[in-house]
Amino acid sequence: MTTMPATESMGFGPLRISFDGRVLRPRPWTEAQSTWAAEILTTAPPGPVLELCAGAGQIGLLAVLGSSRPLVCVDMDPAACDWARHNAADAGLADRVEVREGPMDEVLRDSERFAVVVADPPWVRRDEVTRYPEDPVLAIDGGDDGMEVAWMCVDVARHHLLRRGTLLLQLGTVAQVDALRDRLADDDLVVTEVRRCERGVLVRLDLT
């Protein structure tokens, strides 16, 4: 018989977020990503919000809490999707939150467009994931350079953002931000602001 991990819950802004050991424990400092996204939404073009690598859904849920915009949460992990649905319902947002399970480049329709994309991809280098034994590997493994999933988020956002829309991306280091700038030097998706936080870096990219 398989024993399910114990359910935990924690405050995330005004929300109460539930999760278990199968998903990444919400990081309190990432409320800054939600707060910034909520600020961007006040002037963003009309349209829904997309959260990539949603985990238990806390960042996207808090971002749209003060608005009326629909939210689509995407994650590969069935457990994460279950918790995102649960947390949306607990927040009273189930009627405007849709959770989709599967690869981010497959679960979105070609015609779908979003005003803001929020992404918290795994950004730990694969050879360093053993430094974080308390975290599910799927939730932190960013590939050989830590950027594998981040690049996917950028590509998906580029295709699905409305014109003048924004991708708000979480990364781990300034070096990763530099790699992002270099790769997007001649791109329509432009790095417009970077904020260093307690344990990571938040990057705003706007589609021109």
N, C-alpha and C. Protein backbone atom coordinates (compact mmCIF):
# COMPACT_ATOMS: atom_id res chain seq x y z
N MET A 1 0.84 -1.19 0.00
CA MET A 1 0.00 0.00 0.00
C MET A 1 0.88 1.25 0.00
N THR A 2 0.55 2.21 -0.90
CA THR A 2 1.31 3.44 -0.99
C THR A 2 0.78 4.45 0.02
N THR A 3 1.69 5.01 0.81
CA THR A 3 1.31 6.02 1.79
C THR A 3 1.43 7.41 1.17
N MET A 4 0.35 8.16 1.20
CA MET A 4 0.37 9.51 0.65
C MET A 4 1.10 10.44 1.60
N PRO A 5 1.86 11.41 1.06
CA PRO A 5 2.52 12.39 1.93
C PRO A 5 1.50 13.19 2.72
N ALA A 6 1.91 13.65 3.87
CA ALA A 6 1.02 14.45 4.71
C ALA A 6 0.71 15.78 4.05
N THR A 7 -0.54 16.20 4.17
CA THR A 7 -0.95 17.50 3.64
C THR A 7 -0.48 18.61 4.57
N GLU A 8 0.03 19.68 3.98
CA GLU A 8 0.44 20.86 4.72
C GLU A 8 -0.30 22.06 4.15
N SER A 9 -0.26 23.16 4.87
CA SER A 9 -0.80 24.41 4.33
C SER A 9 -0.01 25.57 4.91
N MET A 10 -0.02 26.67 4.19
CA MET A 10 0.70 27.85 4.63
C MET A 10 0.05 29.09 4.04
N GLY A 11 0.28 30.21 4.68
CA GLY A 11 -0.21 31.47 4.15
C GLY A 11 0.65 31.94 3.00
N PHE A 12 0.00 32.49 1.99
CA PHE A 12 0.70 33.09 0.85
C PHE A 12 -0.08 34.36 0.52
N GLY A 13 0.41 35.50 1.06
CA GLY A 13 -0.41 36.69 1.03
C GLY A 13 -1.69 36.39 1.82
N PRO A 14 -2.85 36.79 1.32
CA PRO A 14 -4.10 36.50 2.01
C PRO A 14 -4.63 35.10 1.76
N LEU A 15 -3.96 34.34 0.89
CA LEU A 15 -4.42 33.00 0.54
C LEU A 15 -3.89 31.97 1.54
N ARG A 16 -4.61 30.85 1.62
CA ARG A 16 -4.13 29.68 2.35
C ARG A 16 -3.87 28.60 1.31
N ILE A 17 -2.61 28.20 1.14
CA ILE A 17 -2.22 27.27 0.09
C ILE A 17 -1.93 25.90 0.69
N SER A 18 -2.57 24.88 0.15
CA SER A 18 -2.35 23.49 0.58
C SER A 18 -1.47 22.77 -0.42
N PHE A 19 -0.70 21.81 0.07
CA PHE A 19 0.25 21.07 -0.77
C PHE A 19 0.71 19.86 0.01
N ASP A 20 1.49 19.00 -0.64
CA ASP A 20 2.16 17.91 0.08
C ASP A 20 3.56 17.74 -0.49
N GLY A 21 4.26 16.72 -0.01
CA GLY A 21 5.66 16.54 -0.37
C GLY A 21 5.92 16.18 -1.81
N ARG A 22 4.88 15.93 -2.59
CA ARG A 22 5.07 15.62 -4.01
C ARG A 22 5.31 16.86 -4.85
N VAL A 23 5.01 18.03 -4.30
CA VAL A 23 5.17 19.28 -5.04
C VAL A 23 6.10 20.21 -4.28
N LEU A 24 6.59 21.22 -4.98
CA LEU A 24 7.52 22.16 -4.37
C LEU A 24 6.81 23.00 -3.31
N ARG A 25 7.40 23.06 -2.13
CA ARG A 25 6.85 23.90 -1.07
C ARG A 25 6.84 25.37 -1.53
N PRO A 26 5.72 26.05 -1.42
CA PRO A 26 5.69 27.47 -1.81
C PRO A 26 6.76 28.28 -1.07
N ARG A 27 7.45 29.12 -1.82
CA ARG A 27 8.48 30.00 -1.23
C ARG A 27 7.84 31.34 -0.90
N PRO A 28 7.84 31.76 0.36
CA PRO A 28 7.20 33.04 0.71
C PRO A 28 7.72 34.21 -0.11
N TRP A 29 9.01 34.22 -0.45
CA TRP A 29 9.55 35.37 -1.17
C TRP A 29 8.95 35.53 -2.55
N THR A 30 8.37 34.44 -3.12
CA THR A 30 7.81 34.53 -4.46
C THR A 30 6.48 35.29 -4.49
N GLU A 31 5.99 35.69 -3.32
CA GLU A 31 4.86 36.64 -3.32
C GLU A 31 5.22 37.88 -4.12
N ALA A 32 6.51 38.21 -4.17
CA ALA A 32 6.94 39.39 -4.93
C ALA A 32 6.61 39.24 -6.41
N GLN A 33 6.66 38.01 -6.92
CA GLN A 33 6.30 37.78 -8.32
C GLN A 33 4.81 38.01 -8.53
N SER A 34 4.00 37.52 -7.60
CA SER A 34 2.55 37.74 -7.68
C SER A 34 2.21 39.22 -7.61
N THR A 35 2.84 39.92 -6.66
CA THR A 35 2.57 41.35 -6.48
C THR A 35 2.93 42.14 -7.72
N TRP A 36 4.09 41.83 -8.31
CA TRP A 36 4.51 42.53 -9.52
C TRP A 36 3.55 42.23 -10.67
N ALA A 37 3.16 40.95 -10.81
CA ALA A 37 2.21 40.59 -11.86
C ALA A 37 0.89 41.33 -11.70
N ALA A 38 0.40 41.44 -10.45
CA ALA A 38 -0.85 42.16 -10.20
C ALA A 38 -0.72 43.63 -10.61
N GLU A 39 0.43 44.23 -10.36
CA GLU A 39 0.67 45.62 -10.78
C GLU A 39 0.64 45.73 -12.30
N ILE A 40 1.29 44.79 -12.98
CA ILE A 40 1.33 44.81 -14.44
C ILE A 40 -0.08 44.67 -15.03
N LEU A 41 -0.92 43.86 -14.37
CA LEU A 41 -2.27 43.62 -14.87
C LEU A 41 -3.12 44.89 -14.89
N THR A 42 -2.79 45.87 -14.08
CA THR A 42 -3.60 47.09 -14.04
C THR A 42 -3.48 47.89 -15.34
N THR A 43 -2.43 47.69 -16.10
CA THR A 43 -2.25 48.41 -17.37
C THR A 43 -2.06 47.48 -18.56
N ALA A 44 -2.14 46.18 -18.34
CA ALA A 44 -1.95 45.20 -19.42
C ALA A 44 -3.15 45.21 -20.36
N PRO A 45 -2.97 44.76 -21.60
CA PRO A 45 -4.12 44.67 -22.50
C PRO A 45 -5.18 43.71 -21.96
N PRO A 46 -6.43 43.86 -22.37
CA PRO A 46 -7.47 42.95 -21.92
C PRO A 46 -7.14 41.52 -22.32
N GLY A 47 -7.37 40.59 -21.41
CA GLY A 47 -7.10 39.20 -21.71
C GLY A 47 -6.78 38.41 -20.46
N PRO A 48 -6.75 37.08 -20.59
CA PRO A 48 -6.49 36.21 -19.44
C PRO A 48 -5.02 36.16 -19.07
N VAL A 49 -4.75 35.46 -17.96
CA VAL A 49 -3.40 35.28 -17.44
C VAL A 49 -3.04 33.80 -17.57
N LEU A 50 -1.79 33.52 -17.90
CA LEU A 50 -1.28 32.17 -18.01
C LEU A 50 -0.17 31.97 -17.00
N GLU A 51 -0.25 30.89 -16.21
CA GLU A 51 0.82 30.53 -15.29
C GLU A 51 1.46 29.23 -15.76
N LEU A 52 2.75 29.26 -16.09
CA LEU A 52 3.50 28.08 -16.51
C LEU A 52 4.29 27.54 -15.32
N CYS A 53 4.45 26.21 -15.28
CA CYS A 53 5.13 25.56 -14.15
C CYS A 53 4.44 25.97 -12.86
N ALA A 54 3.13 25.79 -12.82
CA ALA A 54 2.29 26.39 -11.80
C ALA A 54 2.48 25.78 -10.42
N GLY A 55 2.92 24.53 -10.31
CA GLY A 55 3.00 23.91 -9.01
C GLY A 55 1.64 23.91 -8.34
N ALA A 56 1.58 24.29 -7.08
CA ALA A 56 0.31 24.34 -6.34
C ALA A 56 -0.54 25.55 -6.71
N GLY A 57 -0.06 26.39 -7.62
CA GLY A 57 -0.87 27.47 -8.17
C GLY A 57 -0.82 28.79 -7.44
N GLN A 58 -0.01 28.88 -6.38
CA GLN A 58 -0.10 30.05 -5.51
C GLN A 58 0.30 31.36 -6.20
N ILE A 59 1.30 31.34 -7.06
CA ILE A 59 1.76 32.60 -7.65
C ILE A 59 0.69 33.18 -8.57
N GLY A 60 0.13 32.35 -9.45
CA GLY A 60 -0.91 32.82 -10.35
C GLY A 60 -2.18 33.21 -9.62
N LEU A 61 -2.58 32.42 -8.61
CA LEU A 61 -3.80 32.72 -7.88
C LEU A 61 -3.70 34.07 -7.18
N LEU A 62 -2.58 34.33 -6.53
CA LEU A 62 -2.42 35.61 -5.85
C LEU A 62 -2.35 36.76 -6.85
N ALA A 63 -1.75 36.51 -8.01
CA ALA A 63 -1.64 37.56 -9.03
C ALA A 63 -3.00 38.04 -9.51
N VAL A 64 -3.96 37.12 -9.68
CA VAL A 64 -5.26 37.51 -10.24
C VAL A 64 -6.31 37.77 -9.16
N LEU A 65 -5.95 37.61 -7.90
CA LEU A 65 -6.93 37.68 -6.82
C LEU A 65 -7.70 39.00 -6.82
N GLY A 66 -7.02 40.09 -7.08
CA GLY A 66 -7.66 41.39 -7.04
C GLY A 66 -8.24 41.85 -8.36
N SER A 67 -8.26 40.97 -9.36
CA SER A 67 -8.80 41.32 -10.66
C SER A 67 -9.95 40.38 -11.01
N SER A 68 -10.50 40.54 -12.19
CA SER A 68 -11.55 39.63 -12.66
C SER A 68 -11.07 38.78 -13.82
N ARG A 69 -9.77 38.77 -14.05
CA ARG A 69 -9.23 38.06 -15.21
C ARG A 69 -9.21 36.55 -14.99
N PRO A 70 -9.51 35.79 -16.05
CA PRO A 70 -9.36 34.34 -15.98
C PRO A 70 -7.88 33.96 -15.89
N LEU A 71 -7.64 32.79 -15.30
CA LEU A 71 -6.29 32.27 -15.13
C LEU A 71 -6.24 30.84 -15.65
N VAL A 72 -5.23 30.54 -16.46
CA VAL A 72 -4.95 29.18 -16.90
C VAL A 72 -3.63 28.76 -16.27
N CYS A 73 -3.66 27.69 -15.48
CA CYS A 73 -2.46 27.14 -14.85
C CYS A 73 -2.03 25.88 -15.59
N VAL A 74 -0.75 25.77 -15.87
CA VAL A 74 -0.21 24.61 -16.60
C VAL A 74 0.92 23.99 -15.81
N ASP A 75 0.89 22.67 -15.67
CA ASP A 75 1.98 21.95 -15.03
C ASP A 75 2.01 20.52 -15.57
N MET A 76 3.21 19.94 -15.60
CA MET A 76 3.40 18.56 -16.05
C MET A 76 2.97 17.55 -15.00
N ASP A 77 3.01 17.93 -13.74
CA ASP A 77 2.85 16.99 -12.63
C ASP A 77 1.38 16.86 -12.24
N PRO A 78 0.81 15.66 -12.29
CA PRO A 78 -0.59 15.48 -11.90
C PRO A 78 -0.87 15.93 -10.47
N ALA A 79 0.06 15.66 -9.55
CA ALA A 79 -0.15 16.08 -8.15
C ALA A 79 -0.22 17.59 -8.04
N ALA A 80 0.66 18.28 -8.74
CA ALA A 80 0.64 19.74 -8.71
C ALA A 80 -0.68 20.27 -9.26
N CYS A 81 -1.16 19.68 -10.34
CA CYS A 81 -2.43 20.12 -10.93
C CYS A 81 -3.59 19.90 -9.97
N ASP A 82 -3.58 18.78 -9.28
CA ASP A 82 -4.63 18.52 -8.28
C ASP A 82 -4.63 19.59 -7.19
N TRP A 83 -3.44 19.94 -6.71
CA TRP A 83 -3.36 20.95 -5.66
C TRP A 83 -3.73 22.33 -6.19
N ALA A 84 -3.36 22.63 -7.43
CA ALA A 84 -3.73 23.93 -8.00
C ALA A 84 -5.26 24.06 -8.08
N ARG A 85 -5.94 22.98 -8.50
CA ARG A 85 -7.40 23.02 -8.54
C ARG A 85 -7.98 23.19 -7.13
N HIS A 86 -7.42 22.45 -6.19
CA HIS A 86 -7.88 22.54 -4.80
C HIS A 86 -7.71 23.96 -4.27
N ASN A 87 -6.55 24.55 -4.51
CA ASN A 87 -6.27 25.88 -3.98
C ASN A 87 -7.11 26.96 -4.67
N ALA A 88 -7.39 26.77 -5.95
CA ALA A 88 -8.28 27.71 -6.65
C ALA A 88 -9.67 27.68 -6.03
N ALA A 89 -10.14 26.48 -5.74
CA ALA A 89 -11.46 26.35 -5.11
C ALA A 89 -11.47 26.97 -3.72
N ASP A 90 -10.43 26.71 -2.95
CA ASP A 90 -10.35 27.28 -1.60
C ASP A 90 -10.32 28.81 -1.62
N ALA A 91 -9.72 29.37 -2.68
CA ALA A 91 -9.63 30.83 -2.79
C ALA A 91 -10.90 31.44 -3.37
N GLY A 92 -11.87 30.60 -3.71
CA GLY A 92 -13.10 31.10 -4.30
C GLY A 92 -12.95 31.50 -5.76
N LEU A 93 -11.93 30.94 -6.43
CA LEU A 93 -11.62 31.33 -7.81
C LEU A 93 -11.85 30.21 -8.82
N ALA A 94 -12.47 29.12 -8.41
CA ALA A 94 -12.62 27.96 -9.29
C ALA A 94 -13.37 28.31 -10.57
N ASP A 95 -14.26 29.30 -10.51
CA ASP A 95 -15.07 29.62 -11.69
C ASP A 95 -14.28 30.34 -12.77
N ARG A 96 -13.09 30.86 -12.43
CA ARG A 96 -12.29 31.52 -13.46
C ARG A 96 -10.85 31.01 -13.53
N VAL A 97 -10.62 29.84 -12.97
CA VAL A 97 -9.29 29.21 -13.05
C VAL A 97 -9.43 27.86 -13.73
N GLU A 98 -8.64 27.65 -14.77
CA GLU A 98 -8.58 26.37 -15.46
C GLU A 98 -7.17 25.80 -15.29
N VAL A 99 -7.06 24.55 -14.88
CA VAL A 99 -5.78 23.89 -14.70
C VAL A 99 -5.61 22.84 -15.78
N ARG A 100 -4.49 22.90 -16.49
CA ARG A 100 -4.22 21.95 -17.57
C ARG A 100 -2.95 21.17 -17.27
N GLU A 101 -3.04 19.86 -17.36
CA GLU A 101 -1.93 18.97 -17.08
C GLU A 101 -1.27 18.51 -18.37
N GLY A 102 0.04 18.71 -18.47
CA GLY A 102 0.77 18.24 -19.64
C GLY A 102 1.85 19.21 -20.05
N PRO A 103 2.59 18.89 -21.13
CA PRO A 103 3.65 19.77 -21.62
C PRO A 103 3.10 21.13 -22.02
N MET A 104 3.78 22.18 -21.63
CA MET A 104 3.29 23.53 -21.87
C MET A 104 3.13 23.85 -23.35
N ASP A 105 3.92 23.21 -24.19
CA ASP A 105 3.83 23.49 -25.62
C ASP A 105 2.79 22.62 -26.32
N GLU A 106 2.04 21.82 -25.55
CA GLU A 106 1.02 20.95 -26.14
C GLU A 106 -0.38 21.23 -25.61
N VAL A 107 -0.51 21.80 -24.43
CA VAL A 107 -1.84 21.94 -23.81
C VAL A 107 -2.51 23.26 -24.13
N LEU A 108 -1.82 24.14 -24.85
CA LEU A 108 -2.41 25.41 -25.23
C LEU A 108 -2.80 25.38 -26.71
N ARG A 109 -3.95 25.95 -27.04
CA ARG A 109 -4.36 26.02 -28.44
C ARG A 109 -3.57 27.12 -29.15
N ASP A 110 -3.28 26.91 -30.43
CA ASP A 110 -2.49 27.88 -31.19
C ASP A 110 -3.09 29.28 -31.15
N SER A 111 -4.41 29.33 -31.08
CA SER A 111 -5.09 30.63 -31.15
C SER A 111 -5.15 31.36 -29.81
N GLU A 112 -4.79 30.70 -28.72
CA GLU A 112 -4.93 31.33 -27.41
C GLU A 112 -3.88 32.42 -27.20
N ARG A 113 -4.34 33.54 -26.65
CA ARG A 113 -3.46 34.66 -26.35
C ARG A 113 -3.73 35.16 -24.93
N PHE A 114 -2.66 35.62 -24.27
CA PHE A 114 -2.74 36.02 -22.87
C PHE A 114 -2.12 37.40 -22.69
N ALA A 115 -2.67 38.15 -21.76
CA ALA A 115 -2.15 39.49 -21.47
C ALA A 115 -0.85 39.42 -20.68
N VAL A 116 -0.78 38.47 -19.74
CA VAL A 116 0.39 38.29 -18.89
C VAL A 116 0.65 36.80 -18.73
N VAL A 117 1.91 36.42 -18.83
CA VAL A 117 2.35 35.06 -18.55
C VAL A 117 3.28 35.11 -17.34
N VAL A 118 2.99 34.30 -16.34
CA VAL A 118 3.82 34.20 -15.14
C VAL A 118 4.46 32.81 -15.14
N ALA A 119 5.75 32.74 -14.94
CA ALA A 119 6.44 31.45 -15.00
C ALA A 119 7.48 31.34 -13.90
N ASP A 120 7.43 30.23 -13.18
CA ASP A 120 8.41 29.89 -12.14
C ASP A 120 9.01 28.53 -12.50
N PRO A 121 9.84 28.48 -13.55
CA PRO A 121 10.37 27.19 -13.99
C PRO A 121 11.47 26.68 -13.07
N PRO A 122 11.75 25.38 -13.12
CA PRO A 122 12.94 24.87 -12.43
C PRO A 122 14.18 25.55 -13.00
N TRP A 123 15.07 26.02 -12.14
CA TRP A 123 16.27 26.70 -12.65
C TRP A 123 17.56 26.21 -11.99
N VAL A 124 17.50 25.09 -11.27
CA VAL A 124 18.71 24.51 -10.68
C VAL A 124 19.40 23.63 -11.73
N ARG A 125 20.72 23.77 -11.83
CA ARG A 125 21.47 22.91 -12.75
C ARG A 125 21.32 21.44 -12.34
N ARG A 126 21.24 20.58 -13.33
CA ARG A 126 20.98 19.16 -13.05
C ARG A 126 22.02 18.55 -12.12
N ASP A 127 23.26 18.95 -12.24
CA ASP A 127 24.30 18.35 -11.40
C ASP A 127 24.29 18.93 -9.98
N GLU A 128 23.34 19.83 -9.69
CA GLU A 128 23.27 20.42 -8.36
C GLU A 128 21.97 20.09 -7.63
N VAL A 129 21.07 19.30 -8.24
CA VAL A 129 19.77 19.07 -7.61
C VAL A 129 19.89 18.28 -6.30
N THR A 130 20.96 17.50 -6.15
CA THR A 130 21.12 16.73 -4.92
C THR A 130 21.38 17.62 -3.71
N ARG A 131 21.69 18.89 -3.94
CA ARG A 131 21.88 19.83 -2.84
C ARG A 131 20.56 20.17 -2.16
N TYR A 132 19.45 19.79 -2.80
CA TYR A 132 18.12 20.15 -2.28
C TYR A 132 17.27 18.88 -2.15
N PRO A 133 17.65 17.98 -1.26
CA PRO A 133 16.96 16.68 -1.16
C PRO A 133 15.51 16.79 -0.72
N GLU A 134 15.12 17.91 -0.12
CA GLU A 134 13.74 18.07 0.33
C GLU A 134 12.80 18.44 -0.81
N ASP A 135 13.35 18.80 -1.99
CA ASP A 135 12.52 19.25 -3.10
C ASP A 135 12.35 18.15 -4.14
N PRO A 136 11.14 17.99 -4.70
CA PRO A 136 10.95 17.02 -5.80
C PRO A 136 11.84 17.39 -6.98
N VAL A 137 12.53 16.41 -7.52
CA VAL A 137 13.49 16.68 -8.60
C VAL A 137 12.80 17.34 -9.79
N LEU A 138 11.61 16.86 -10.15
CA LEU A 138 10.90 17.42 -11.30
C LEU A 138 10.67 18.91 -11.14
N ALA A 139 10.51 19.37 -9.92
CA ALA A 139 10.18 20.77 -9.66
C ALA A 139 11.39 21.69 -9.67
N ILE A 140 12.60 21.14 -9.63
CA ILE A 140 13.78 22.02 -9.55
C ILE A 140 14.81 21.76 -10.65
N ASP A 141 14.72 20.65 -11.38
CA ASP A 141 15.73 20.27 -12.38
C ASP A 141 15.56 21.12 -13.63
N GLY A 142 16.48 22.06 -13.82
CA GLY A 142 16.43 22.94 -14.99
C GLY A 142 17.33 22.52 -16.12
N GLY A 143 17.80 21.26 -16.10
CA GLY A 143 18.68 20.79 -17.17
C GLY A 143 20.13 21.13 -16.91
N ASP A 144 20.96 20.87 -17.89
CA ASP A 144 22.41 21.01 -17.71
C ASP A 144 22.84 22.41 -17.29
N ASP A 145 22.19 23.43 -17.84
CA ASP A 145 22.58 24.81 -17.51
C ASP A 145 21.55 25.50 -16.62
N GLY A 146 20.53 24.77 -16.19
CA GLY A 146 19.48 25.35 -15.37
C GLY A 146 18.46 26.16 -16.14
N MET A 147 18.61 26.24 -17.46
CA MET A 147 17.76 27.11 -18.27
C MET A 147 16.84 26.35 -19.23
N GLU A 148 16.88 25.04 -19.21
CA GLU A 148 16.16 24.24 -20.21
C GLU A 148 14.66 24.55 -20.19
N VAL A 149 14.05 24.53 -19.02
CA VAL A 149 12.61 24.79 -18.94
C VAL A 149 12.32 26.28 -19.11
N ALA A 150 13.21 27.12 -18.65
CA ALA A 150 13.03 28.57 -18.82
C ALA A 150 12.94 28.94 -20.30
N TRP A 151 13.79 28.32 -21.13
CA TRP A 151 13.73 28.60 -22.57
C TRP A 151 12.38 28.18 -23.13
N MET A 152 11.85 27.06 -22.66
CA MET A 152 10.53 26.62 -23.11
C MET A 152 9.47 27.65 -22.73
N CYS A 153 9.56 28.18 -21.50
CA CYS A 153 8.62 29.20 -21.07
C CYS A 153 8.69 30.43 -21.97
N VAL A 154 9.89 30.84 -22.32
CA VAL A 154 10.06 32.00 -23.19
C VAL A 154 9.44 31.74 -24.56
N ASP A 155 9.69 30.56 -25.12
CA ASP A 155 9.15 30.24 -26.44
C ASP A 155 7.62 30.19 -26.42
N VAL A 156 7.05 29.58 -25.37
CA VAL A 156 5.59 29.52 -25.26
C VAL A 156 5.01 30.92 -25.09
N ALA A 157 5.64 31.72 -24.25
CA ALA A 157 5.14 33.09 -24.04
C ALA A 157 5.20 33.89 -25.33
N ARG A 158 6.28 33.77 -26.07
CA ARG A 158 6.41 34.52 -27.32
C ARG A 158 5.25 34.21 -28.26
N HIS A 159 4.84 32.96 -28.31
CA HIS A 159 3.77 32.56 -29.22
C HIS A 159 2.38 32.94 -28.70
N HIS A 160 2.21 32.99 -27.37
CA HIS A 160 0.87 33.12 -26.81
C HIS A 160 0.59 34.47 -26.14
N LEU A 161 1.55 35.37 -26.12
CA LEU A 161 1.30 36.69 -25.56
C LEU A 161 0.57 37.59 -26.56
N LEU A 162 -0.33 38.39 -26.03
CA LEU A 162 -0.89 39.47 -26.82
C LEU A 162 0.19 40.52 -27.07
N ARG A 163 0.04 41.28 -28.14
CA ARG A 163 0.95 42.39 -28.38
C ARG A 163 0.90 43.35 -27.20
N ARG A 164 2.05 43.78 -26.73
CA ARG A 164 2.23 44.60 -25.53
C ARG A 164 1.97 43.79 -24.26
N GLY A 165 1.91 42.47 -24.39
CA GLY A 165 1.79 41.61 -23.22
C GLY A 165 3.12 41.41 -22.54
N THR A 166 3.09 40.78 -21.37
CA THR A 166 4.28 40.67 -20.53
C THR A 166 4.48 39.25 -20.04
N LEU A 167 5.73 38.80 -20.09
CA LEU A 167 6.16 37.57 -19.41
C LEU A 167 6.93 37.98 -18.17
N LEU A 168 6.49 37.45 -17.02
CA LEU A 168 7.20 37.69 -15.76
C LEU A 168 7.81 36.36 -15.34
N LEU A 169 9.12 36.27 -15.49
CA LEU A 169 9.86 35.02 -15.38
C LEU A 169 10.75 35.01 -14.15
N GLN A 170 10.72 33.91 -13.42
CA GLN A 170 11.63 33.74 -12.28
C GLN A 170 12.84 32.92 -12.72
N LEU A 171 14.03 33.42 -12.37
CA LEU A 171 15.28 32.69 -12.61
C LEU A 171 16.06 32.65 -11.30
N GLY A 172 17.21 31.96 -11.33
CA GLY A 172 17.97 31.77 -10.12
C GLY A 172 19.12 32.72 -9.92
N THR A 173 19.76 33.13 -11.02
CA THR A 173 20.99 33.91 -10.91
C THR A 173 21.04 35.02 -11.94
N VAL A 174 21.88 36.00 -11.68
CA VAL A 174 22.11 37.08 -12.64
C VAL A 174 22.76 36.54 -13.91
N ALA A 175 23.60 35.52 -13.78
CA ALA A 175 24.21 34.91 -14.95
C ALA A 175 23.15 34.34 -15.89
N GLN A 176 22.09 33.76 -15.33
CA GLN A 176 21.01 33.26 -16.17
C GLN A 176 20.27 34.40 -16.86
N VAL A 177 20.13 35.52 -16.17
CA VAL A 177 19.52 36.70 -16.80
C VAL A 177 20.39 37.18 -17.95
N ASP A 178 21.70 37.18 -17.78
CA ASP A 178 22.61 37.60 -18.85
C ASP A 178 22.47 36.68 -20.06
N ALA A 179 22.34 35.37 -19.82
CA ALA A 179 22.15 34.43 -20.93
C ALA A 179 20.84 34.72 -21.65
N LEU A 180 19.82 35.08 -20.90
CA LEU A 180 18.53 35.42 -21.49
C LEU A 180 18.65 36.67 -22.36
N ARG A 181 19.32 37.69 -21.85
CA ARG A 181 19.50 38.92 -22.63
C ARG A 181 20.25 38.62 -23.93
N ASP A 182 21.30 37.82 -23.84
CA ASP A 182 22.10 37.52 -25.03
C ASP A 182 21.26 36.81 -26.09
N ARG A 183 20.49 35.85 -25.66
CA ARG A 183 19.70 35.06 -26.61
C ARG A 183 18.58 35.89 -27.25
N LEU A 184 18.07 36.87 -26.52
CA LEU A 184 16.95 37.66 -27.02
C LEU A 184 17.38 39.02 -27.55
N ALA A 185 18.65 39.17 -27.86
CA ALA A 185 19.19 40.48 -28.26
C ALA A 185 18.44 41.09 -29.44
N ASP A 186 17.99 40.27 -30.39
CA ASP A 186 17.30 40.79 -31.58
C ASP A 186 15.86 40.28 -31.65
N ASP A 187 15.26 40.04 -30.51
CA ASP A 187 13.94 39.43 -30.43
C ASP A 187 12.87 40.47 -30.17
N ASP A 188 11.61 40.13 -30.50
CA ASP A 188 10.49 41.01 -30.19
C ASP A 188 10.12 40.94 -28.71
N LEU A 189 10.58 39.90 -28.02
CA LEU A 189 10.36 39.77 -26.58
C LEU A 189 11.57 40.35 -25.88
N VAL A 190 11.38 41.47 -25.20
CA VAL A 190 12.50 42.30 -24.73
C VAL A 190 12.53 42.34 -23.21
N VAL A 191 13.73 42.13 -22.64
CA VAL A 191 13.92 42.29 -21.20
C VAL A 191 13.83 43.78 -20.88
N THR A 192 12.85 44.15 -20.03
CA THR A 192 12.66 45.56 -19.72
C THR A 192 12.96 45.91 -18.27
N GLU A 193 12.98 44.92 -17.38
CA GLU A 193 13.29 45.20 -15.98
C GLU A 193 13.69 43.91 -15.28
N VAL A 194 14.62 44.04 -14.34
CA VAL A 194 15.10 42.90 -13.54
C VAL A 194 15.08 43.31 -12.08
N ARG A 195 14.54 42.43 -11.24
CA ARG A 195 14.52 42.68 -9.80
C ARG A 195 15.15 41.50 -9.07
N ARG A 196 16.14 41.78 -8.26
CA ARG A 196 16.77 40.74 -7.45
C ARG A 196 15.99 40.57 -6.15
N CYS A 197 15.70 39.33 -5.81
CA CYS A 197 14.92 39.03 -4.62
C CYS A 197 15.75 38.18 -3.66
N GLU A 198 15.11 37.72 -2.60
CA GLU A 198 15.82 37.02 -1.54
C GLU A 198 16.56 35.78 -2.04
N ARG A 199 15.91 34.98 -2.89
CA ARG A 199 16.53 33.73 -3.33
C ARG A 199 16.43 33.52 -4.83
N GLY A 200 16.24 34.58 -5.58
CA GLY A 200 16.13 34.44 -7.02
C GLY A 200 16.06 35.79 -7.69
N VAL A 201 15.77 35.76 -8.98
CA VAL A 201 15.72 36.97 -9.80
C VAL A 201 14.42 36.95 -10.59
N LEU A 202 13.72 38.08 -10.62
CA LEU A 202 12.51 38.22 -11.42
C LEU A 202 12.82 39.09 -12.63
N VAL A 203 12.37 38.61 -13.78
CA VAL A 203 12.67 39.29 -15.05
C VAL A 203 11.37 39.63 -15.76
N ARG A 204 11.20 40.88 -16.12
CA ARG A 204 10.05 41.30 -16.93
C ARG A 204 10.47 41.37 -18.38
N LEU A 205 9.69 40.71 -19.24
CA LEU A 205 9.91 40.74 -20.68
C LEU A 205 8.62 41.19 -21.34
N ASP A 206 8.69 42.18 -22.22
CA ASP A 206 7.51 42.70 -22.90
C ASP A 206 7.59 42.39 -24.39
N LEU A 207 6.44 42.02 -24.95
CA LEU A 207 6.36 41.75 -26.39
C LEU A 207 6.05 43.04 -27.11
N THR A 208 6.99 43.49 -27.90
CA THR A 208 6.87 44.78 -28.59
C THR A 208 6.06 44.65 -29.87
